[in-house]
């Protein structure tokens, strides 16, 4: 996982100039990694911290970001929810109040 996690962090770090070109591929890698993960390591759990910035940066990736969120909930269960409850409340509340109808539908499905 170590190399994959470094790639996820690099491609989703919006401070990185290459993120503009690599973001979608990084999110796809992230989704695939979570789909084949049976438990969350601390470094993989830490990756979630970039989701709010990614969603703020480009709402076009909202479906992928929400799919990643679903995977974190399914795999990480209570450990994930306990760690990120405040960020999740803020992120979902912001999406429900500030996004277009499409974003609201995605959040409620």
Protein backbone atom coordinates (compact mmCIF):
# COMPACT_ATOMS: atom_id res chain seq x y z
CA UNK A 1 0.00 0.00 0.00
CA UNK A 2 2.83 2.43 0.69
CA UNK A 3 3.57 3.31 -2.95
CA UNK A 4 -0.12 3.54 -3.83
CA UNK A 5 -0.81 5.81 -0.87
CA UNK A 6 2.05 8.10 -1.88
CA UNK A 7 0.57 8.28 -5.39
CA UNK A 8 -2.88 9.09 -4.00
CA UNK A 9 -1.47 11.83 -1.79
CA UNK A 10 0.57 13.31 -4.65
CA UNK A 11 -2.26 13.32 -7.19
CA UNK A 12 -4.86 14.77 -4.82
CA UNK A 13 -2.64 17.39 -3.18
CA UNK A 14 -3.99 20.61 -4.65
CA UNK A 15 -0.84 22.48 -3.59
CA UNK A 16 0.91 20.43 -6.26
CA UNK A 17 0.84 22.05 -9.71
CA UNK A 18 0.43 18.65 -11.37
CA UNK A 19 -2.80 17.94 -9.48
CA UNK A 20 -4.80 19.72 -12.17
CA UNK A 21 -3.76 17.03 -14.62
CA UNK A 22 -3.62 14.08 -12.24
CA UNK A 23 -6.65 14.57 -10.00
CA UNK A 24 -9.11 12.33 -11.84
CA UNK A 25 -6.59 9.50 -12.24
CA UNK A 26 -5.66 9.84 -8.56
CA UNK A 27 -9.30 9.59 -7.51
CA UNK A 28 -9.76 6.49 -9.69
CA UNK A 29 -6.70 4.89 -8.08
CA UNK A 30 -8.03 5.84 -4.66
CA UNK A 31 -11.43 4.30 -5.41
CA UNK A 32 -9.86 1.08 -6.68
CA UNK A 33 -7.57 0.86 -3.65
CA UNK A 34 -10.48 1.20 -1.25
CA UNK A 35 -12.56 -1.35 -3.16
CA UNK A 36 -9.85 -3.98 -2.62
CA UNK A 37 -9.02 -3.04 0.97
CA UNK A 38 -10.35 -5.11 3.85
CA UNK A 39 -9.15 -2.76 6.60
CA UNK A 40 -7.86 0.80 6.70
CA UNK A 41 -4.27 1.46 7.60
CA UNK A 42 -3.52 4.75 9.33
CA UNK A 43 -1.88 6.24 6.21
CA UNK A 44 -4.89 5.29 4.07
CA UNK A 45 -7.20 6.70 6.72
CA UNK A 46 -5.17 9.93 6.71
CA UNK A 47 -5.73 10.33 2.95
CA UNK A 48 -9.38 11.19 3.60
CA UNK A 49 -8.32 14.59 4.92
CA UNK A 50 -7.89 15.82 1.35
CA UNK A 51 -11.49 15.03 0.28
CA UNK A 52 -13.03 18.35 1.44
CA UNK A 53 -10.42 20.36 -0.50
CA UNK A 54 -10.90 18.19 -3.59
CA UNK A 55 -14.67 18.70 -3.51
CA UNK A 56 -14.23 22.46 -2.99
CA UNK A 57 -11.78 22.60 -5.87
CA UNK A 58 -13.90 20.83 -8.47
CA UNK A 59 -17.52 19.71 -8.01
CA UNK A 60 -17.16 17.69 -11.23
CA UNK A 61 -15.41 15.04 -9.13
CA UNK A 62 -18.21 14.96 -6.56
CA UNK A 63 -19.51 11.51 -7.64
CA UNK A 64 -16.02 10.02 -7.25
CA UNK A 65 -15.47 11.78 -3.92
CA UNK A 66 -18.78 10.48 -2.57
CA UNK A 67 -17.93 6.98 -3.78
CA UNK A 68 -14.64 7.22 -1.88
CA UNK A 69 -16.58 8.39 1.18
CA UNK A 70 -18.92 5.38 0.86
CA UNK A 71 -15.93 3.04 0.74
CA UNK A 72 -14.39 4.64 3.81
CA UNK A 73 -17.63 4.15 5.72
CA UNK A 74 -17.97 0.53 4.61
CA UNK A 75 -14.38 -0.44 5.30
CA UNK A 76 -13.52 1.84 8.21
CA UNK A 77 -16.85 1.62 10.01
CA UNK A 78 -16.88 3.21 13.46
CA UNK A 79 -13.14 3.99 13.52
CA UNK A 80 -13.53 6.15 10.42
CA UNK A 81 -16.76 7.77 11.59
CA UNK A 82 -15.40 8.58 15.04
CA UNK A 83 -12.28 10.16 13.59
CA UNK A 84 -14.01 12.22 10.90
CA UNK A 85 -17.50 12.93 12.26
CA UNK A 86 -16.98 16.70 12.42
CA UNK A 87 -15.44 16.94 8.97
CA UNK A 88 -18.26 14.79 7.54
CA UNK A 89 -20.94 16.95 9.13
CA UNK A 90 -19.30 20.08 7.74
CA UNK A 91 -18.69 18.62 4.28
CA UNK A 92 -22.16 17.13 3.81
CA UNK A 93 -23.87 20.18 5.28
CA UNK A 94 -21.94 22.43 2.92
CA UNK A 95 -22.74 20.22 -0.07
CA UNK A 96 -26.44 20.16 0.76
CA UNK A 97 -26.67 23.93 1.14
CA UNK A 98 -24.24 25.19 -1.49
CA UNK A 99 -24.31 22.80 -4.43
CA UNK A 100 -26.67 22.67 -7.34
CA UNK A 101 -29.53 20.18 -7.43
CA UNK A 102 -27.24 17.47 -8.84
CA UNK A 103 -24.92 17.70 -5.85
CA UNK A 104 -27.83 17.50 -3.45
CA UNK A 105 -29.20 14.41 -5.18
CA UNK A 106 -25.79 12.73 -5.04
CA UNK A 107 -25.47 13.49 -1.32
CA UNK A 108 -28.84 12.03 -0.46
CA UNK A 109 -28.43 8.78 -2.43
